[in-house]
């Protein structure tokens, strides 16, 4: 988590029970309500973002994908010539 300038706010509407639970959890950890809430929200946001970016494939499609990978390579016109050319990139 970054320790930059905290210049943004988020306002939340909570039930009394939600607020009490969050305050109790923060107190148990000896943290301020802001510190506890910010850390918890940030961790959850990062988890959601990470899970969204993961590649997820069901079993049938994965099996189909693996069959395609296991196929023998096919010849592509001009590929051998292209790969034998001198690179245009110079170190």
PDB file of N, CA and C in Angstrom:
ATOM      1  N   UNK A   1       0.844  -1.170   0.000  1.00  0.00           N
ATOM      2  CA  UNK A   1       0.000   0.000   0.000  1.00  0.00           C
ATOM      3  C   UNK A   1       0.893   1.237   0.000  1.00  0.00           C
ATOM      4  N   UNK A   2       0.528   2.234  -0.762  1.00  0.00           N
ATOM      5  CA  UNK A   2       1.337   3.441  -0.858  1.00  0.00           C
ATOM      6  C   UNK A   2       1.108   4.331   0.351  1.00  0.00           C
ATOM      7  N   UNK A   3       2.084   5.179   0.622  1.00  0.00           N
ATOM      8  CA  UNK A   3       1.952   6.099   1.751  1.00  0.00           C
ATOM      9  C   UNK A   3       1.966   7.533   1.256  1.00  0.00           C
ATOM     10  N   UNK A   4       1.356   7.775   0.094  1.00  0.00           N
ATOM     11  CA  UNK A   4       1.307   9.109  -0.484  1.00  0.00           C
ATOM     12  C   UNK A   4       0.331  10.001   0.259  1.00  0.00           C
ATOM     13  N   UNK A   5       0.174  11.191  -0.262  1.00  0.00           N
ATOM     14  CA  UNK A   5      -0.723  12.179   0.322  1.00  0.00           C
ATOM     15  C   UNK A   5      -2.157  11.682   0.239  1.00  0.00           C
ATOM     16  N   UNK A   6      -2.829  11.660   1.367  1.00  0.00           N
ATOM     17  CA  UNK A   6      -4.222  11.214   1.419  1.00  0.00           C
ATOM     18  C   UNK A   6      -5.115  12.432   1.256  1.00  0.00           C
ATOM     19  N   UNK A   7      -5.534  12.666   0.006  1.00  0.00           N
ATOM     20  CA  UNK A   7      -6.322  13.865  -0.272  1.00  0.00           C
ATOM     21  C   UNK A   7      -7.697  13.540  -0.849  1.00  0.00           C
ATOM     22  N   UNK A   8      -8.111  12.284  -0.784  1.00  0.00           N
ATOM     23  CA  UNK A   8      -9.413  11.869  -1.298  1.00  0.00           C
ATOM     24  C   UNK A   8     -10.252  11.280  -0.168  1.00  0.00           C
ATOM     25  N   UNK A   9     -11.575  11.401  -0.320  1.00  0.00           N
ATOM     26  CA  UNK A   9     -12.494  10.899   0.698  1.00  0.00           C
ATOM     27  C   UNK A   9     -13.509   9.967   0.054  1.00  0.00           C
ATOM     28  N   UNK A  10     -14.006   9.055   0.862  1.00  0.00           N
ATOM     29  CA  UNK A  10     -15.126   8.203   0.476  1.00  0.00           C
ATOM     30  C   UNK A  10     -16.146   8.300   1.608  1.00  0.00           C
ATOM     31  N   UNK A  11     -17.392   8.510   1.246  1.00  0.00           N
ATOM     32  CA  UNK A  11     -18.457   8.527   2.248  1.00  0.00           C
ATOM     33  C   UNK A  11     -19.290   7.273   2.084  1.00  0.00           C
ATOM     34  N   UNK A  12     -19.652   6.666   3.201  1.00  0.00           N
ATOM     35  CA  UNK A  12     -20.420   5.431   3.183  1.00  0.00           C
ATOM     36  C   UNK A  12     -21.652   5.562   4.074  1.00  0.00           C
ATOM     37  N   UNK A  13     -22.730   4.947   3.659  1.00  0.00           N
ATOM     38  CA  UNK A  13     -23.924   4.835   4.497  1.00  0.00           C
ATOM     39  C   UNK A  13     -23.918   3.411   5.048  1.00  0.00           C
ATOM     40  N   UNK A  14     -24.010   3.293   6.363  1.00  0.00           N
ATOM     41  CA  UNK A  14     -23.973   1.991   7.024  1.00  0.00           C
ATOM     42  C   UNK A  14     -25.147   1.848   7.978  1.00  0.00           C
ATOM     43  N   UNK A  15     -25.479   0.604   8.254  1.00  0.00           N
ATOM     44  CA  UNK A  15     -26.425   0.365   9.341  1.00  0.00           C
ATOM     45  C   UNK A  15     -25.662   0.497  10.654  1.00  0.00           C
ATOM     46  N   UNK A  16     -26.389   0.637  11.735  1.00  0.00           N
ATOM     47  CA  UNK A  16     -25.740   0.707  13.056  1.00  0.00           C
ATOM     48  C   UNK A  16     -24.934  -0.551  13.330  1.00  0.00           C
ATOM     49  N   UNK A  17     -25.476  -1.693  12.912  1.00  0.00           N
ATOM     50  CA  UNK A  17     -24.796  -2.971  13.148  1.00  0.00           C
ATOM     51  C   UNK A  17     -23.488  -3.050  12.357  1.00  0.00           C
ATOM     52  N   UNK A  18     -23.512  -2.588  11.104  1.00  0.00           N
ATOM     53  CA  UNK A  18     -22.296  -2.598  10.293  1.00  0.00           C
ATOM     54  C   UNK A  18     -21.230  -1.702  10.916  1.00  0.00           C
ATOM     55  N   UNK A  19     -21.631  -0.507  11.322  1.00  0.00           N
ATOM     56  CA  UNK A  19     -20.666   0.432  11.908  1.00  0.00           C
ATOM     57  C   UNK A  19     -20.082  -0.129  13.192  1.00  0.00           C
ATOM     58  N   UNK A  20     -20.922  -0.709  14.024  1.00  0.00           N
ATOM     59  CA  UNK A  20     -20.446  -1.290  15.285  1.00  0.00           C
ATOM     60  C   UNK A  20     -19.469  -2.428  15.014  1.00  0.00           C
ATOM     61  N   UNK A  21     -19.775  -3.285  14.048  1.00  0.00           N
ATOM     62  CA  UNK A  21     -18.886  -4.407  13.718  1.00  0.00           C
ATOM     63  C   UNK A  21     -17.537  -3.904  13.225  1.00  0.00           C
ATOM     64  N   UNK A  22     -17.541  -2.901  12.371  1.00  0.00           N
ATOM     65  CA  UNK A  22     -16.287  -2.354  11.836  1.00  0.00           C
ATOM     66  C   UNK A  22     -15.487  -1.681  12.945  1.00  0.00           C
ATOM     67  N   UNK A  23     -16.141  -0.913  13.781  1.00  0.00           N
ATOM     68  CA  UNK A  23     -15.447  -0.256  14.899  1.00  0.00           C
ATOM     69  C   UNK A  23     -14.869  -1.285  15.856  1.00  0.00           C
ATOM     70  N   UNK A  24     -15.610  -2.358  16.110  1.00  0.00           N
ATOM     71  CA  UNK A  24     -15.131  -3.403  17.014  1.00  0.00           C
ATOM     72  C   UNK A  24     -13.906  -4.104  16.428  1.00  0.00           C
ATOM     73  N   UNK A  25     -13.972  -4.428  15.151  1.00  0.00           N
ATOM     74  CA  UNK A  25     -12.837  -5.096  14.502  1.00  0.00           C
ATOM     75  C   UNK A  25     -11.596  -4.201  14.519  1.00  0.00           C
ATOM     76  N   UNK A  26     -11.778  -2.915  14.238  1.00  0.00           N
ATOM     77  CA  UNK A  26     -10.650  -1.976  14.270  1.00  0.00           C
ATOM     78  C   UNK A  26     -10.059  -1.900  15.677  1.00  0.00           C
ATOM     79  N   UNK A  27     -10.919  -1.848  16.686  1.00  0.00           N
ATOM     80  CA  UNK A  27     -10.454  -1.775  18.076  1.00  0.00           C
ATOM     81  C   UNK A  27      -9.701  -3.039  18.471  1.00  0.00           C
ATOM     82  N   UNK A  28     -10.171  -4.186  18.034  1.00  0.00           N
ATOM     83  CA  UNK A  28      -9.500  -5.455  18.348  1.00  0.00           C
ATOM     84  C   UNK A  28      -8.074  -5.443  17.807  1.00  0.00           C
ATOM     85  N   UNK A  29      -7.896  -4.858  16.636  1.00  0.00           N
ATOM     86  CA  UNK A  29      -6.562  -4.789  16.038  1.00  0.00           C
ATOM     87  C   UNK A  29      -5.781  -3.567  16.504  1.00  0.00           C
ATOM     88  N   UNK A  30      -6.379  -2.738  17.352  1.00  0.00           N
ATOM     89  CA  UNK A  30      -5.686  -1.553  17.842  1.00  0.00           C
ATOM     90  C   UNK A  30      -5.426  -0.527  16.749  1.00  0.00           C
ATOM     91  N   UNK A  31      -6.350  -0.435  15.809  1.00  0.00           N
ATOM     92  CA  UNK A  31      -6.184   0.478  14.687  1.00  0.00           C
ATOM     93  C   UNK A  31      -7.320   1.491  14.672  1.00  0.00           C
ATOM     94  N   UNK A  32      -7.058   2.599  14.017  1.00  0.00           N
ATOM     95  CA  UNK A  32      -8.115   3.591  13.858  1.00  0.00           C
ATOM     96  C   UNK A  32      -9.145   3.064  12.870  1.00  0.00           C
ATOM     97  N   UNK A  33     -10.332   3.615  12.931  1.00  0.00           N
ATOM     98  CA  UNK A  33     -11.389   3.221  12.011  1.00  0.00           C
ATOM     99  C   UNK A  33     -10.967   3.492  10.569  1.00  0.00           C
ATOM    100  N   UNK A  34     -10.335   4.631  10.348  1.00  0.00           N
ATOM    101  CA  UNK A  34      -9.866   4.989   8.999  1.00  0.00           C
ATOM    102  C   UNK A  34      -8.810   4.020   8.518  1.00  0.00           C
ATOM    103  N   UNK A  35      -7.816   3.727   9.336  1.00  0.00           N
ATOM    104  CA  UNK A  35      -6.742   2.811   8.945  1.00  0.00           C
ATOM    105  C   UNK A  35      -7.292   1.420   8.657  1.00  0.00           C
ATOM    106  N   UNK A  36      -8.142   0.923   9.549  1.00  0.00           N
ATOM    107  CA  UNK A  36      -8.728  -0.408   9.365  1.00  0.00           C
ATOM    108  C   UNK A  36      -9.564  -0.462   8.085  1.00  0.00           C
ATOM    109  N   UNK A  37     -10.422   0.513   7.897  1.00  0.00           N
ATOM    110  CA  UNK A  37     -11.320   0.532   6.738  1.00  0.00           C
ATOM    111  C   UNK A  37     -10.550   0.675   5.436  1.00  0.00           C
ATOM    112  N   UNK A  38      -9.582   1.575   5.412  1.00  0.00           N
ATOM    113  CA  UNK A  38      -8.792   1.799   4.201  1.00  0.00           C
ATOM    114  C   UNK A  38      -8.033   0.532   3.818  1.00  0.00           C
ATOM    115  N   UNK A  39      -7.387  -0.083   4.792  1.00  0.00           N
ATOM    116  CA  UNK A  39      -6.622  -1.296   4.531  1.00  0.00           C
ATOM    117  C   UNK A  39      -7.530  -2.423   4.039  1.00  0.00           C
ATOM    118  N   UNK A  40      -8.658  -2.599   4.697  1.00  0.00           N
ATOM    119  CA  UNK A  40      -9.589  -3.665   4.328  1.00  0.00           C
ATOM    120  C   UNK A  40     -10.166  -3.441   2.938  1.00  0.00           C
ATOM    121  N   UNK A  41     -10.611  -2.230   2.649  1.00  0.00           N
ATOM    122  CA  UNK A  41     -11.166  -1.923   1.336  1.00  0.00           C
ATOM    123  C   UNK A  41     -10.121  -2.064   0.229  1.00  0.00           C
ATOM    124  N   UNK A  42      -8.916  -1.598   0.490  1.00  0.00           N
ATOM    125  CA  UNK A  42      -7.847  -1.677  -0.514  1.00  0.00           C
ATOM    126  C   UNK A  42      -7.485  -3.128  -0.810  1.00  0.00           C
ATOM    127  N   UNK A  43      -7.346  -3.935   0.240  1.00  0.00           N
ATOM    128  CA  UNK A  43      -7.020  -5.349   0.041  1.00  0.00           C
ATOM    129  C   UNK A  43      -8.109  -6.055  -0.756  1.00  0.00           C
ATOM    130  N   UNK A  44      -9.347  -5.774  -0.441  1.00  0.00           N
ATOM    131  CA  UNK A  44     -10.463  -6.400  -1.160  1.00  0.00           C
ATOM    132  C   UNK A  44     -10.506  -5.929  -2.615  1.00  0.00           C
ATOM    133  N   UNK A  45     -10.264  -4.650  -2.847  1.00  0.00           N
ATOM    134  CA  UNK A  45     -10.256  -4.116  -4.213  1.00  0.00           C
ATOM    135  C   UNK A  45      -9.154  -4.774  -5.034  1.00  0.00           C
ATOM    136  N   UNK A  46      -7.963  -4.913  -4.452  1.00  0.00           N
ATOM    137  CA  UNK A  46      -6.855  -5.550  -5.167  1.00  0.00           C
ATOM    138  C   UNK A  46      -7.166  -7.005  -5.491  1.00  0.00           C
ATOM    139  N   UNK A  47      -7.848  -7.697  -4.586  1.00  0.00           N
ATOM    140  CA  UNK A  47      -8.237  -9.093  -4.822  1.00  0.00           C
ATOM    141  C   UNK A  47      -9.239  -9.184  -5.981  1.00  0.00           C
ATOM    142  N   UNK A  48     -10.224  -8.305  -5.990  1.00  0.00           N
ATOM    143  CA  UNK A  48     -11.223  -8.298  -7.070  1.00  0.00           C
ATOM    144  C   UNK A  48     -10.552  -8.015  -8.409  1.00  0.00           C
ATOM    145  N   UNK A  49      -9.651  -7.047  -8.442  1.00  0.00           N
ATOM    146  CA  UNK A  49      -8.939  -6.696  -9.676  1.00  0.00           C
ATOM    147  C   UNK A  49      -8.086  -7.867 -10.143  1.00  0.00           C
ATOM    148  N   UNK A  50      -7.361  -8.492  -9.212  1.00  0.00           N
ATOM    149  CA  UNK A  50      -6.500  -9.635  -9.563  1.00  0.00           C
ATOM    150  C   UNK A  50      -7.334 -10.778 -10.126  1.00  0.00           C
ATOM    151  N   UNK A  51      -8.438 -11.101  -9.488  1.00  0.00           N
ATOM    152  CA  UNK A  51      -9.284 -12.205  -9.947  1.00  0.00           C
ATOM    153  C   UNK A  51      -9.896 -11.902 -11.309  1.00  0.00           C
ATOM    154  N   UNK A  52     -10.210 -10.643 -11.551  1.00  0.00           N
ATOM    155  CA  UNK A  52     -10.776 -10.255 -12.842  1.00  0.00           C
ATOM    156  C   UNK A  52      -9.763 -10.431 -13.963  1.00  0.00           C
ATOM    157  N   UNK A  53      -8.492 -10.252 -13.640  1.00  0.00           N
ATOM    158  CA  UNK A  53      -7.443 -10.320 -14.660  1.00  0.00           C
ATOM    159  C   UNK A  53      -6.906 -11.722 -14.877  1.00  0.00           C
ATOM    160  N   UNK A  54      -7.261 -12.660 -14.016  1.00  0.00           N
ATOM    161  CA  UNK A  54      -6.806 -14.032 -14.173  1.00  0.00           C
ATOM    162  C   UNK A  54      -7.540 -14.683 -15.328  1.00  0.00           C
ATOM    163  N   UNK A  55      -6.849 -15.561 -16.014  1.00  0.00           N
ATOM    164  CA  UNK A  55      -7.455 -16.318 -17.093  1.00  0.00           C
ATOM    165  C   UNK A  55      -8.236 -17.468 -16.476  1.00  0.00           C
ATOM    166  N   UNK A  56      -9.516 -17.508 -16.765  1.00  0.00           N
ATOM    167  CA  UNK A  56     -10.355 -18.576 -16.235  1.00  0.00           C
ATOM    168  C   UNK A  56     -11.032 -19.285 -17.398  1.00  0.00           C
ATOM    169  N   UNK A  57     -10.853 -20.614 -17.436  1.00  0.00           N
ATOM    170  CA  UNK A  57     -11.396 -21.417 -18.524  1.00  0.00           C
ATOM    171  C   UNK A  57     -12.044 -22.654 -17.920  1.00  0.00           C
ATOM    172  N   UNK A  58     -13.257 -22.979 -18.396  1.00  0.00           N
ATOM    173  CA  UNK A  58     -13.901 -24.188 -17.885  1.00  0.00           C
ATOM    174  C   UNK A  58     -13.174 -25.423 -18.420  1.00  0.00           C
ATOM    175  N   UNK A  59     -13.438 -26.574 -17.825  1.00  0.00           N
ATOM    176  CA  UNK A  59     -12.700 -27.800 -18.137  1.00  0.00           C
ATOM    177  C   UNK A  59     -12.833 -28.211 -19.600  1.00  0.00           C
ATOM    178  N   UNK A  60     -14.028 -28.109 -20.159  1.00  0.00           N
ATOM    179  CA  UNK A  60     -14.226 -28.530 -21.560  1.00  0.00           C
ATOM    180  C   UNK A  60     -13.418 -27.657 -22.509  1.00  0.00           C
ATOM    181  N   UNK A  61     -13.428 -26.360 -22.304  1.00  0.00           N
ATOM    182  CA  UNK A  61     -12.671 -25.466 -23.182  1.00  0.00           C
ATOM    183  C   UNK A  61     -11.171 -25.636 -22.983  1.00  0.00           C
ATOM    184  N   UNK A  62     -10.750 -25.915 -21.746  1.00  0.00           N
ATOM    185  CA  UNK A  62      -9.331 -26.154 -21.491  1.00  0.00           C
ATOM    186  C   UNK A  62      -8.872 -27.407 -22.243  1.00  0.00           C
ATOM    187  N   UNK A  63      -9.682 -28.471 -22.196  1.00  0.00           N
ATOM    188  CA  UNK A  63      -9.340 -29.705 -22.914  1.00  0.00           C
ATOM    189  C   UNK A  63      -9.245 -29.445 -24.417  1.00  0.00           C
ATOM    190  N   UNK A  64     -10.176 -28.660 -24.945  1.00  0.00           N
ATOM    191  CA  UNK A  64     -10.152 -28.314 -26.366  1.00  0.00           C
ATOM    192  C   UNK A  64      -8.884 -27.528 -26.707  1.00  0.00           C
ATOM    193  N   UNK A  65      -8.520 -26.592 -25.842  1.00  0.00           N
ATOM    194  CA  UNK A  65      -7.308 -25.802 -26.025  1.00  0.00           C
ATOM    195  C   UNK A  65      -6.070 -26.699 -26.023  1.00  0.00           C
ATOM    196  N   UNK A  66      -6.012 -27.647 -25.101  1.00  0.00           N
ATOM    197  CA  UNK A  66      -4.862 -28.555 -25.019  1.00  0.00           C
ATOM    198  C   UNK A  66      -4.759 -29.435 -26.269  1.00  0.00           C
ATOM    199  N   UNK A  67      -5.891 -29.857 -26.820  1.00  0.00           N
ATOM    200  CA  UNK A  67      -5.868 -30.657 -28.053  1.00  0.00           C
ATOM    201  C   UNK A  67      -5.273 -29.843 -29.197  1.00  0.00           C
ATOM    202  N   UNK A  68      -5.624 -28.584 -29.273  1.00  0.00           N
ATOM    203  CA  UNK A  68      -5.084 -27.711 -30.317  1.00  0.00           C
ATOM    204  C   UNK A  68      -3.571 -27.567 -30.152  1.00  0.00           C
ATOM    205  N   UNK A  69      -3.111 -27.395 -28.918  1.00  0.00           N
ATOM    206  CA  UNK A  69      -1.670 -27.264 -28.667  1.00  0.00           C
ATOM    207  C   UNK A  69      -0.913 -28.540 -29.012  1.00  0.00           C
ATOM    208  N   UNK A  70      -1.570 -29.686 -28.846  1.00  0.00           N
ATOM    209  CA  UNK A  70      -0.919 -30.973 -29.106  1.00  0.00           C
ATOM    210  C   UNK A  70      -0.861 -31.335 -30.586  1.00  0.00           C
ATOM    211  N   UNK A  71      -1.577 -30.603 -31.427  1.00  0.00           N
ATOM    212  CA  UNK A  71      -1.538 -30.875 -32.867  1.00  0.00           C
ATOM    213  C   UNK A  71      -0.136 -30.631 -33.428  1.00  0.00           C
ATOM    214  N   UNK A  72       0.233 -31.379 -34.463  1.00  0.00           N
ATOM    215  CA  UNK A  72       1.527 -31.109 -35.107  1.00  0.00           C
ATOM    216  C   UNK A  72       1.522 -29.699 -35.715  1.00  0.00           C
ATOM    217  N   UNK A  73       2.671 -29.112 -35.741  1.00  0.00           N
ATOM    218  CA  UNK A  73       2.789 -27.771 -36.317  1.00  0.00           C
ATOM    219  C   UNK A  73       2.502 -27.827 -37.807  1.00  0.00           C
ATOM    220  N   UNK A  74       1.861 -26.783 -38.313  1.00  0.00           N
ATOM    221  CA  UNK A  74       1.596 -26.728 -39.755  1.00  0.00           C
ATOM    222  C   UNK A  74       2.523 -25.711 -40.393  1.00  0.00           C
ATOM    223  N   UNK A  75       2.756 -25.905 -41.664  1.00  0.00           N
ATOM    224  CA  UNK A  75       3.643 -25.023 -42.400  1.00  0.00           C
ATOM    225  C   UNK A  75       2.915 -23.725 -42.737  1.00  0.00           C
ATOM    226  N   UNK A  76       3.592 -22.613 -42.541  1.00  0.00           N
ATOM    227  CA  UNK A  76       3.035 -21.308 -42.875  1.00  0.00           C
ATOM    228  C   UNK A  76       3.875 -20.749 -44.017  1.00  0.00           C
ATOM    229  N   UNK A  77       3.189 -20.444 -45.119  1.00  0.00           N
ATOM    230  CA  UNK A  77       3.905 -19.937 -46.290  1.00  0.00           C
ATOM    231  C   UNK A  77       4.762 -18.728 -45.927  1.00  0.00           C
ATOM    232  N   UNK A  78       6.025 -18.785 -46.304  1.00  0.00           N
ATOM    233  CA  UNK A  78       6.918 -17.657 -46.124  1.00  0.00           C
ATOM    234  C   UNK A  78       7.549 -17.539 -44.746  1.00  0.00           C
ATOM    235  N   UNK A  79       7.113 -18.364 -43.786  1.00  0.00           N
ATOM    236  CA  UNK A  79       7.640 -18.231 -42.428  1.00  0.00           C
ATOM    237  C   UNK A  79       9.120 -18.603 -42.355  1.00  0.00           C
ATOM    238  N   UNK A  80       9.514 -19.678 -43.028  1.00  0.00           N
ATOM    239  CA  UNK A  80      10.920 -20.098 -42.992  1.00  0.00           C
ATOM    240  C   UNK A  80      11.810 -18.986 -43.558  1.00  0.00           C
ATOM    241  N   UNK A  81      11.381 -18.390 -44.670  1.00  0.00           N
ATOM    242  CA  UNK A  81      12.161 -17.307 -45.285  1.00  0.00           C
ATOM    243  C   UNK A  81      12.204 -16.089 -44.371  1.00  0.00           C
ATOM    244  N   UNK A  82      11.083 -15.771 -43.764  1.00  0.00           N
ATOM    245  CA  UNK A  82      11.017 -14.620 -42.860  1.00  0.00           C
ATOM    246  C   UNK A  82      11.975 -14.796 -41.674  1.00  0.00           C
ATOM    247  N   UNK A  83      11.988 -15.981 -41.102  1.00  0.00           N
ATOM    248  CA  UNK A  83      12.832 -16.233 -39.937  1.00  0.00           C
ATOM    249  C   UNK A  83      14.313 -16.326 -40.285  1.00  0.00           C
ATOM    250  N   UNK A  84      14.627 -16.545 -41.553  1.00  0.00           N
ATOM    251  CA  UNK A  84      16.031 -16.624 -41.942  1.00  0.00           C
ATOM    252  C   UNK A  84      16.595 -15.263 -42.339  1.00  0.00           C
ATOM    253  N   UNK A  85      15.762 -14.246 -42.455  1.00  0.00           N
ATOM    254  CA  UNK A  85      16.237 -12.902 -42.791  1.00  0.00           C
ATOM    255  C   UNK A  85      17.047 -12.307 -41.637  1.00  0.00           C
ATOM    256  N   UNK A  86      17.941 -11.406 -41.997  1.00  0.00           N
ATOM    257  CA  UNK A  86      18.704 -10.694 -40.983  1.00  0.00           C
ATOM    258  C   UNK A  86      17.733  -9.737 -40.254  1.00  0.00           C
ATOM    259  N   UNK A  87      17.908  -9.639 -38.958  1.00  0.00           N
ATOM    260  CA  UNK A  87      17.023  -8.780 -38.154  1.00  0.00           C
ATOM    261  C   UNK A  87      17.177  -7.315 -38.512  1.00  0.00           C
ATOM    262  N   UNK A  88      16.081  -6.587 -38.482  1.00  0.00           N
ATOM    263  CA  UNK A  88      16.122  -5.142 -38.720  1.00  0.00           C
ATOM    264  C   UNK A  88      16.497  -4.398 -37.455  1.00  0.00           C
ATOM    265  N   UNK A  89      16.515  -5.100 -36.338  1.00  0.00           N
ATOM    266  CA  UNK A  89      16.872  -4.501 -35.060  1.00  0.00           C
ATOM    267  C   UNK A  89      18.353  -4.708 -34.814  1.00  0.00           C
ATOM    268  N   UNK A  90      19.048  -3.657 -34.507  1.00  0.00           N
ATOM    269  CA  UNK A  90      20.486  -3.715 -34.276  1.00  0.00           C
ATOM    270  C   UNK A  90      20.757  -3.432 -32.808  1.00  0.00           C
ATOM    271  N   UNK A  91      21.575  -4.260 -32.223  1.00  0.00           N
ATOM    272  CA  UNK A  91      21.929  -4.054 -30.795  1.00  0.00           C
ATOM    273  C   UNK A  91      22.846  -2.880 -30.647  1.00  0.00           C
TER     274      UNK A  91
END
